[in-house]
């Protein structure tokens, strides 16, 4: 349960579960390219889900490149 001080939230719980071996991979999702890039570069997650298609191709170079550099999976 979040305490309002930035600790005890969902991310903390998932990271504890990962350390305990209950979760193997942690993913994130975003519809905002700058936020998706921030999440990739944080090193906290293993995969990112982002809209990527012929209409929404803003992620083609920057986000895909960042995923390649960090070894992340990209789910579109």
Protein backbone atom coordinates (compact mmCIF):
# COMPACT_ATOMS: atom_id res chain seq x y z
CA UNK A 1 0.00 0.00 0.00
CA UNK A 2 1.40 3.39 -0.98
CA UNK A 3 2.21 5.69 1.91
CA UNK A 4 2.30 8.93 -0.07
CA UNK A 5 6.05 9.38 0.37
CA UNK A 6 7.11 7.66 -2.85
CA UNK A 7 7.64 4.29 -1.19
CA UNK A 8 5.44 1.24 -0.83
CA UNK A 9 3.80 1.49 -4.26
CA UNK A 10 3.17 -1.04 -6.98
CA UNK A 11 6.67 -0.75 -8.47
CA UNK A 12 8.27 -1.49 -5.11
CA UNK A 13 6.02 -4.52 -4.63
CA UNK A 14 6.84 -5.88 -8.10
CA UNK A 15 10.57 -5.37 -7.58
CA UNK A 16 10.41 -7.24 -4.27
CA UNK A 17 8.55 -10.06 -6.01
CA UNK A 18 11.26 -10.14 -8.70
CA UNK A 19 14.04 -10.34 -6.12
CA UNK A 20 12.11 -13.15 -4.38
CA UNK A 21 11.91 -15.06 -7.68
CA UNK A 22 8.13 -14.75 -7.96
CA UNK A 23 8.36 -12.52 -11.05
CA UNK A 24 10.90 -13.00 -13.84
CA UNK A 25 10.29 -9.91 -15.96
CA UNK A 26 8.80 -6.49 -15.28
CA UNK A 27 7.23 -4.53 -18.13
CA UNK A 28 5.97 -1.01 -18.62
CA UNK A 29 3.57 0.61 -21.04
CA UNK A 30 3.19 4.17 -22.26
CA UNK A 31 1.54 6.20 -25.01
CA UNK A 32 3.99 9.08 -24.46
CA UNK A 33 7.34 8.81 -26.26
CA UNK A 34 9.39 10.92 -23.79
CA UNK A 35 8.01 8.88 -20.85
CA UNK A 36 8.66 5.59 -22.67
CA UNK A 37 12.27 6.65 -23.30
CA UNK A 38 12.65 7.62 -19.64
CA UNK A 39 11.38 4.20 -18.57
CA UNK A 40 13.75 2.38 -20.97
CA UNK A 41 16.72 4.38 -19.75
CA UNK A 42 15.79 3.86 -16.07
CA UNK A 43 16.90 0.23 -16.16
CA UNK A 44 13.98 -0.75 -13.92
CA UNK A 45 12.01 -2.69 -16.49
CA UNK A 46 12.68 -5.53 -18.91
CA UNK A 47 10.21 -4.66 -21.65
CA UNK A 48 8.16 -1.72 -22.92
CA UNK A 49 4.81 -1.71 -24.69
CA UNK A 50 4.26 1.27 -26.98
CA UNK A 51 1.88 1.95 -29.88
CA UNK A 52 3.88 1.41 -33.05
CA UNK A 53 2.20 1.24 -36.43
CA UNK A 54 1.97 3.07 -39.76
CA UNK A 55 0.12 5.99 -38.17
CA UNK A 56 2.06 6.20 -34.86
CA UNK A 57 5.63 5.83 -36.09
CA UNK A 58 7.30 8.37 -33.77
CA UNK A 59 9.00 5.56 -31.86
CA UNK A 60 10.60 4.04 -34.94
CA UNK A 61 14.08 5.46 -34.51
CA UNK A 62 14.48 6.78 -30.98
CA UNK A 63 12.56 4.21 -28.90
CA UNK A 64 13.55 1.21 -31.00
CA UNK A 65 17.18 2.36 -30.86
CA UNK A 66 17.05 2.81 -27.07
CA UNK A 67 15.58 -0.69 -26.71
CA UNK A 68 18.33 -2.15 -28.84
CA UNK A 69 21.01 -0.36 -26.79
CA UNK A 70 19.63 -1.63 -23.48
CA UNK A 71 18.60 -5.11 -24.63
CA UNK A 72 14.94 -4.43 -23.92
CA UNK A 73 12.04 -6.08 -25.69
CA UNK A 74 9.54 -3.80 -27.48
CA UNK A 75 5.95 -4.94 -27.66
CA UNK A 76 3.89 -2.93 -30.11
